[in-house]
Amino acid sequence: MVPTLYGNPQSTCTKRVATVFQEKQVPFEFVTIDFAKGEHKSDEFVAKEPFSQVPYLYIVYESRAIARYIEEKYAGQGTTLTPKDLKAKGQFEQAASIEVSNFDPYPSAAVFEKLFTPYQKLTPDEATFNALIKKLEAKLDVYDQILSKQKYLGGDEVTLADLFHLPYGSLLPAVGSDAIESRPNVAKWFKSLQDRPSWQAVKDGITATA
């Protein structure tokens, strides 16, 4: 059975999952959830995803959890995105924790402040935005040190931990931040991720591949 992904074509978290489907070479159906119509708050959707967020797949929600599910379910095809060797797996888990703790909170909040608050007819808070970018830059200074010694965040092979950075990292230039581009090792690493066919296939929006 072809899996069905419920999400929004421009949603950052939906793109995170769709990128993994592309990496694993798994065809999928796509059902668009229209935020403007409040479909994410319908009784039918909330019964599947109680936080009224996208994406959703089978009985699994939260984009990183879905990505891990896809990687394990389709382990025999496409790109291997989680190592099997215990040491390498530990380094992958470390990298995944770095992304969720030391990266995502800053660009996600900064992008929300700059790009999404106007849709709510609110004025972006420049002080809040600048503080978030400053914190992100300090974290990326550490990234630059790590990536001076290895190709990817968890070692020398790409993993889910690297791909998880793509949706919000790719929006930083749109909010006027060069935090990634101004750090040579981070810039090289991130460009290698953006150049992957999986991201190129979903970066401008998501459609079904089945």
C-alpha atoms as a PDB file:
ATOM      1  CA  MET A   1       0.000   0.000   0.000  1.00  0.00           C
ATOM      2  CA  VAL A   2       1.308   3.439  -0.923  1.00  0.00           C
ATOM      3  CA  PRO A   3       1.660   5.634   2.188  1.00  0.00           C
ATOM      4  CA  THR A   4      -0.408   8.810   2.414  1.00  0.00           C
ATOM      5  CA  LEU A   5       1.119  11.947   3.879  1.00  0.00           C
ATOM      6  CA  TYR A   6      -1.261  14.571   5.250  1.00  0.00           C
ATOM      7  CA  GLY A   7       0.249  18.031   5.347  1.00  0.00           C
ATOM      8  CA  ASN A   8       0.571  21.405   3.691  1.00  0.00           C
ATOM      9  CA  PRO A   9       2.700  21.861   0.537  1.00  0.00           C
ATOM     10  CA  GLN A  10       4.592  24.834   2.034  1.00  0.00           C
ATOM     11  CA  SER A  11       4.836  23.567   5.608  1.00  0.00           C
ATOM     12  CA  THR A  12       8.420  23.298   6.869  1.00  0.00           C
ATOM     13  CA  CYS A  13       7.715  20.145   8.838  1.00  0.00           C
ATOM     14  CA  THR A  14       5.868  18.538   5.921  1.00  0.00           C
ATOM     15  CA  LYS A  15       8.877  19.245   3.689  1.00  0.00           C
ATOM     16  CA  ARG A  16      11.107  17.575   6.292  1.00  0.00           C
ATOM     17  CA  VAL A  17       9.129  14.339   5.901  1.00  0.00           C
ATOM     18  CA  ALA A  18       8.779  14.589   2.128  1.00  0.00           C
ATOM     19  CA  THR A  19      12.564  14.943   1.825  1.00  0.00           C
ATOM     20  CA  VAL A  20      12.995  11.628   3.620  1.00  0.00           C
ATOM     21  CA  PHE A  21      10.443   9.941   1.338  1.00  0.00           C
ATOM     22  CA  GLN A  22      12.511  11.183  -1.598  1.00  0.00           C
ATOM     23  CA  GLU A  23      15.772   9.938  -0.067  1.00  0.00           C
ATOM     24  CA  LYS A  24      14.250   6.513   0.536  1.00  0.00           C
ATOM     25  CA  GLN A  25      12.757   6.456  -2.989  1.00  0.00           C
ATOM     26  CA  VAL A  26       9.314   5.733  -1.574  1.00  0.00           C
ATOM     27  CA  PRO A  27       6.312   6.849  -3.661  1.00  0.00           C
ATOM     28  CA  PHE A  28       3.614   8.495  -1.557  1.00  0.00           C
ATOM     29  CA  GLU A  29       0.183  10.024  -1.871  1.00  0.00           C
ATOM     30  CA  PHE A  30      -0.228  13.557  -0.593  1.00  0.00           C
ATOM     31  CA  VAL A  31      -3.347  15.062   0.951  1.00  0.00           C
ATOM     32  CA  THR A  32      -3.257  18.836   1.359  1.00  0.00           C
ATOM     33  CA  ILE A  33      -4.487  20.210   4.668  1.00  0.00           C
ATOM     34  CA  ASP A  34      -5.773  23.738   4.056  1.00  0.00           C
ATOM     35  CA  PHE A  35      -4.886  25.979   6.993  1.00  0.00           C
ATOM     36  CA  ALA A  36      -7.024  28.840   5.670  1.00  0.00           C
ATOM     37  CA  LYS A  37     -10.093  26.616   5.842  1.00  0.00           C
ATOM     38  CA  GLY A  38      -9.143  25.365   9.302  1.00  0.00           C
ATOM     39  CA  GLU A  39      -8.898  21.756   8.130  1.00  0.00           C
ATOM     40  CA  HIS A  40      -6.132  21.113  10.672  1.00  0.00           C
ATOM     41  CA  LYS A  41      -8.658  21.868  13.415  1.00  0.00           C
ATOM     42  CA  SER A  42     -11.441  19.659  12.103  1.00  0.00           C
ATOM     43  CA  ASP A  43     -12.656  16.820  14.332  1.00  0.00           C
ATOM     44  CA  GLU A  44     -11.510  14.290  11.735  1.00  0.00           C
ATOM     45  CA  PHE A  45      -7.952  15.630  11.644  1.00  0.00           C
ATOM     46  CA  VAL A  46      -7.631  16.200  15.395  1.00  0.00           C
ATOM     47  CA  ALA A  47      -8.639  12.576  15.937  1.00  0.00           C
ATOM     48  CA  LYS A  48      -5.404  11.684  14.109  1.00  0.00           C
ATOM     49  CA  GLU A  49      -3.183  14.576  15.233  1.00  0.00           C
ATOM     50  CA  PRO A  50      -4.375  15.964  18.585  1.00  0.00           C
ATOM     51  CA  PHE A  51      -2.111  19.034  18.415  1.00  0.00           C
ATOM     52  CA  SER A  52      -3.720  20.211  15.147  1.00  0.00           C
ATOM     53  CA  GLN A  53      -0.352  20.325  13.387  1.00  0.00           C
ATOM     54  CA  VAL A  54       1.035  18.871  10.180  1.00  0.00           C
ATOM     55  CA  PRO A  55       2.243  16.470   8.967  1.00  0.00           C
ATOM     56  CA  TYR A  56       0.596  13.176   9.801  1.00  0.00           C
ATOM     57  CA  LEU A  57       1.302   9.663   8.486  1.00  0.00           C
ATOM     58  CA  TYR A  58      -0.553   6.472   9.453  1.00  0.00           C
ATOM     59  CA  ILE A  59      -0.698   6.557  13.254  1.00  0.00           C
ATOM     60  CA  VAL A  60       2.460   8.670  13.504  1.00  0.00           C
ATOM     61  CA  TYR A  61       2.702  12.436  13.886  1.00  0.00           C
ATOM     62  CA  GLU A  62       5.611  14.827  14.575  1.00  0.00           C
ATOM     63  CA  SER A  63       7.916  15.211  11.575  1.00  0.00           C
ATOM     64  CA  ARG A  64      11.082  13.760  13.111  1.00  0.00           C
ATOM     65  CA  ALA A  65       9.208  10.722  14.419  1.00  0.00           C
ATOM     66  CA  ILE A  66       7.666  10.171  10.992  1.00  0.00           C
ATOM     67  CA  ALA A  67      11.103  10.463   9.386  1.00  0.00           C
ATOM     68  CA  ARG A  68      12.513   7.806  11.710  1.00  0.00           C
ATOM     69  CA  TYR A  69       9.504   5.575  11.001  1.00  0.00           C
ATOM     70  CA  ILE A  70      10.042   5.879   7.234  1.00  0.00           C
ATOM     71  CA  GLU A  71      13.756   5.172   7.585  1.00  0.00           C
ATOM     72  CA  GLU A  72      13.122   1.976   9.526  1.00  0.00           C
ATOM     73  CA  LYS A  73      10.124   0.770   7.515  1.00  0.00           C
ATOM     74  CA  TYR A  74      11.967   1.200   4.211  1.00  0.00           C
ATOM     75  CA  ALA A  75      15.433   0.344   5.478  1.00  0.00           C
ATOM     76  CA  GLY A  76      16.230  -1.756   2.430  1.00  0.00           C
ATOM     77  CA  GLN A  77      15.873   0.967  -0.179  1.00  0.00           C
ATOM     78  CA  GLY A  78      17.195   4.387  -1.037  1.00  0.00           C
ATOM     79  CA  THR A  79      19.715   6.198   1.140  1.00  0.00           C
ATOM     80  CA  THR A  80      20.613   4.719   4.520  1.00  0.00           C
ATOM     81  CA  LEU A  81      19.953   7.594   6.920  1.00  0.00           C
ATOM     82  CA  THR A  82      20.656   6.013  10.302  1.00  0.00           C
ATOM     83  CA  PRO A  83      23.851   4.019  10.964  1.00  0.00           C
ATOM     84  CA  LYS A  84      23.798   0.437  12.193  1.00  0.00           C
ATOM     85  CA  ASP A  85      27.227   0.438  13.853  1.00  0.00           C
ATOM     86  CA  LEU A  86      26.790   1.255  17.542  1.00  0.00           C
ATOM     87  CA  LYS A  87      29.427   4.000  17.694  1.00  0.00           C
ATOM     88  CA  ALA A  88      28.172   5.634  14.501  1.00  0.00           C
ATOM     89  CA  LYS A  89      24.599   5.359  15.731  1.00  0.00           C
ATOM     90  CA  GLY A  90      25.572   7.078  18.974  1.00  0.00           C
ATOM     91  CA  GLN A  91      27.113   9.911  16.973  1.00  0.00           C
ATOM     92  CA  PHE A  92      23.949  10.123  14.861  1.00  0.00           C
ATOM     93  CA  GLU A  93      21.784  10.354  17.968  1.00  0.00           C
ATOM     94  CA  GLN A  94      24.095  13.039  19.303  1.00  0.00           C
ATOM     95  CA  ALA A  95      23.717  14.990  16.055  1.00  0.00           C
ATOM     96  CA  ALA A  96      19.936  14.592  16.125  1.00  0.00           C
ATOM     97  CA  SER A  97      19.875  15.952  19.658  1.00  0.00           C
ATOM     98  CA  ILE A  98      22.078  18.882  18.605  1.00  0.00           C
ATOM     99  CA  GLU A  99      19.613  19.794  15.867  1.00  0.00           C
ATOM    100  CA  VAL A 100      16.547  19.792  18.076  1.00  0.00           C
ATOM    101  CA  SER A 101      18.247  21.528  21.033  1.00  0.00           C
ATOM    102  CA  ASN A 102      20.868  23.842  19.543  1.00  0.00           C
ATOM    103  CA  PHE A 103      19.509  24.713  16.107  1.00  0.00           C
ATOM    104  CA  ASP A 104      15.764  24.421  15.543  1.00  0.00           C
ATOM    105  CA  PRO A 105      14.531  26.686  18.390  1.00  0.00           C
ATOM    106  CA  TYR A 106      16.266  29.727  16.894  1.00  0.00           C
ATOM    107  CA  PRO A 107      15.553  29.733  13.138  1.00  0.00           C
ATOM    108  CA  SER A 108      12.030  28.377  13.642  1.00  0.00           C
ATOM    109  CA  ALA A 109      11.162  31.203  16.040  1.00  0.00           C
ATOM    110  CA  ALA A 110      13.002  33.814  13.965  1.00  0.00           C
ATOM    111  CA  VAL A 111      11.241  32.774  10.762  1.00  0.00           C
ATOM    112  CA  PHE A 112       7.914  32.786  12.574  1.00  0.00           C
ATOM    113  CA  GLU A 113       8.585  36.264  13.916  1.00  0.00           C
ATOM    114  CA  LYS A 114       9.620  37.710  10.558  1.00  0.00           C
ATOM    115  CA  LEU A 115       7.509  35.819   8.029  1.00  0.00           C
ATOM    116  CA  PHE A 116       4.450  34.475   9.783  1.00  0.00           C
ATOM    117  CA  THR A 117       3.386  37.147  12.286  1.00  0.00           C
ATOM    118  CA  PRO A 118       2.347  39.508   9.440  1.00  0.00           C
ATOM    119  CA  TYR A 119      -0.214  36.896   8.348  1.00  0.00           C
ATOM    120  CA  GLN A 120      -1.760  37.276  11.788  1.00  0.00           C
ATOM    121  CA  LYS A 121      -1.873  41.041  11.236  1.00  0.00           C
ATOM    122  CA  LEU A 122       0.825  41.547  13.851  1.00  0.00           C
ATOM    123  CA  THR A 123       4.039  43.552  13.624  1.00  0.00           C
ATOM    124  CA  PRO A 124       7.265  41.527  13.827  1.00  0.00           C
ATOM    125  CA  ASP A 125       9.328  42.293  16.921  1.00  0.00           C
ATOM    126  CA  GLU A 126      12.778  43.226  15.622  1.00  0.00           C
ATOM    127  CA  ALA A 127      14.400  42.944  19.056  1.00  0.00           C
ATOM    128  CA  THR A 128      13.105  39.402  19.474  1.00  0.00           C
ATOM    129  CA  PHE A 129      14.198  38.479  15.972  1.00  0.00           C
ATOM    130  CA  ASN A 130      17.693  39.911  16.427  1.00  0.00           C
ATOM    131  CA  ALA A 131      18.129  38.130  19.763  1.00  0.00           C
ATOM    132  CA  LEU A 132      17.179  34.795  18.188  1.00  0.00           C
ATOM    133  CA  ILE A 133      19.604  35.263  15.294  1.00  0.00           C
ATOM    134  CA  LYS A 134      22.383  36.205  17.706  1.00  0.00           C
ATOM    135  CA  LYS A 135      21.816  32.995  19.673  1.00  0.00           C
ATOM    136  CA  LEU A 136      21.720  31.001  16.446  1.00  0.00           C
ATOM    137  CA  GLU A 137      25.015  32.513  15.306  1.00  0.00           C
ATOM    138  CA  ALA A 138      26.686  31.448  18.550  1.00  0.00           C
ATOM    139  CA  LYS A 139      25.455  27.899  18.033  1.00  0.00           C
ATOM    140  CA  LEU A 140      26.606  27.876  14.414  1.00  0.00           C
ATOM    141  CA  ASP A 141      30.081  28.947  15.511  1.00  0.00           C
ATOM    142  CA  VAL A 142      30.244  25.578  17.281  1.00  0.00           C
ATOM    143  CA  TYR A 143      28.809  23.843  14.198  1.00  0.00           C
ATOM    144  CA  ASP A 144      31.602  25.386  12.146  1.00  0.00           C
ATOM    145  CA  GLN A 145      34.183  23.831  14.460  1.00  0.00           C
ATOM    146  CA  ILE A 146      32.516  20.419  14.283  1.00  0.00           C
ATOM    147  CA  LEU A 147      32.190  20.571  10.503  1.00  0.00           C
ATOM    148  CA  SER A 148      35.837  21.528  10.083  1.00  0.00           C
ATOM    149  CA  LYS A 149      36.644  17.947  11.115  1.00  0.00           C
ATOM    150  CA  GLN A 150      33.921  15.956   9.386  1.00  0.00           C
ATOM    151  CA  LYS A 151      31.604  16.194   6.399  1.00  0.00           C
ATOM    152  CA  TYR A 152      28.294  15.878   8.243  1.00  0.00           C
ATOM    153  CA  LEU A 153      27.040  16.632  11.711  1.00  0.00           C
ATOM    154  CA  GLY A 154      27.162  12.992  12.815  1.00  0.00           C
ATOM    155  CA  GLY A 155      30.288  11.948  10.929  1.00  0.00           C
ATOM    156  CA  ASP A 156      31.215  11.399   7.292  1.00  0.00           C
ATOM    157  CA  GLU A 157      27.863  10.050   6.078  1.00  0.00           C
ATOM    158  CA  VAL A 158      24.633  11.999   5.700  1.00  0.00           C
ATOM    159  CA  THR A 159      21.915  11.110   8.210  1.00  0.00           C
ATOM    160  CA  LEU A 160      18.441  12.213   9.189  1.00  0.00           C
ATOM    161  CA  ALA A 161      20.070  14.639  11.620  1.00  0.00           C
ATOM    162  CA  ASP A 162      21.512  16.643   8.728  1.00  0.00           C
ATOM    163  CA  LEU A 163      18.319  16.611   6.670  1.00  0.00           C
ATOM    164  CA  PHE A 164      16.282  17.836   9.647  1.00  0.00           C
ATOM    165  CA  HIS A 165      18.036  21.232   9.306  1.00  0.00           C
ATOM    166  CA  LEU A 166      16.868  21.885   5.753  1.00  0.00           C
ATOM    167  CA  PRO A 167      13.395  23.443   6.074  1.00  0.00           C
ATOM    168  CA  TYR A 168      14.182  26.259   8.486  1.00  0.00           C
ATOM    169  CA  GLY A 169      17.820  26.682   7.495  1.00  0.00           C
ATOM    170  CA  SER A 170      16.723  27.298   3.922  1.00  0.00           C
ATOM    171  CA  LEU A 171      14.411  30.114   5.037  1.00  0.00           C
ATOM    172  CA  LEU A 172      17.095  32.120   6.830  1.00  0.00           C
ATOM    173  CA  PRO A 173      18.102  34.171   3.751  1.00  0.00           C
ATOM    174  CA  ALA A 174      14.434  35.101   3.280  1.00  0.00           C
ATOM    175  CA  VAL A 175      14.442  36.779   6.707  1.00  0.00           C
ATOM    176  CA  GLY A 176      17.742  38.550   6.056  1.00  0.00           C
ATOM    177  CA  SER A 177      20.139  36.266   7.927  1.00  0.00           C
ATOM    178  CA  ASP A 178      23.471  35.051   6.537  1.00  0.00           C
ATOM    179  CA  ALA A 179      24.200  32.995   9.665  1.00  0.00           C
ATOM    180  CA  ILE A 180      24.815  29.880   7.568  1.00  0.00           C
ATOM    181  CA  GLU A 181      26.533  31.424   4.550  1.00  0.00           C
ATOM    182  CA  SER A 182      29.003  33.435   6.649  1.00  0.00           C
ATOM    183  CA  ARG A 183      30.527  30.344   8.271  1.00  0.00           C
ATOM    184  CA  PRO A 184      32.592  28.458   5.678  1.00  0.00           C
ATOM    185  CA  ASN A 185      32.270  24.927   6.995  1.00  0.00           C
ATOM    186  CA  VAL A 186      28.589  25.348   7.793  1.00  0.00           C
ATOM    187  CA  ALA A 187      28.010  26.901   4.373  1.00  0.00           C
ATOM    188  CA  LYS A 188      29.713  24.011   2.555  1.00  0.00           C
ATOM    189  CA  TRP A 189      27.774  21.437   4.579  1.00  0.00           C
ATOM    190  CA  PHE A 190      24.428  23.141   4.105  1.00  0.00           C
ATOM    191  CA  LYS A 191      24.904  23.664   0.377  1.00  0.00           C
ATOM    192  CA  SER A 192      25.636  19.960   0.006  1.00  0.00           C
ATOM    193  CA  LEU A 193      22.289  19.247   1.676  1.00  0.00           C
ATOM    194  CA  GLN A 194      20.368  21.787  -0.389  1.00  0.00           C
ATOM    195  CA  ASP A 195      21.871  20.352  -3.580  1.00  0.00           C
ATOM    196  CA  ARG A 196      20.545  16.864  -2.857  1.00  0.00           C
ATOM    197  CA  PRO A 197      17.833  15.806  -5.338  1.00  0.00           C
ATOM    198  CA  SER A 198      15.535  14.992  -2.401  1.00  0.00           C
ATOM    199  CA  TRP A 199      15.438  18.621  -1.259  1.00  0.00           C
ATOM    200  CA  GLN A 200      15.300  19.998  -4.781  1.00  0.00           C
ATOM    201  CA  ALA A 201      12.173  17.888  -5.322  1.00  0.00           C
ATOM    202  CA  VAL A 202      10.258  19.385  -2.385  1.00  0.00           C
ATOM    203  CA  LYS A 203      11.723  22.803  -1.647  1.00  0.00           C
ATOM    204  CA  ASP A 204       9.170  24.727  -3.725  1.00  0.00           C
ATOM    205  CA  GLY A 205       6.181  22.667  -2.625  1.00  0.00           C
ATOM    206  CA  ILE A 206       5.018  19.089  -2.300  1.00  0.00           C
ATOM    207  CA  THR A 207       2.979  16.917  -4.633  1.00  0.00           C
ATOM    208  CA  ALA A 208       2.227  13.203  -4.588  1.00  0.00           C
ATOM    209  CA  THR A 209       4.818  10.928  -6.175  1.00  0.00           C
ATOM    210  CA  ALA A 210       2.654   7.813  -6.432  1.00  0.00           C
END
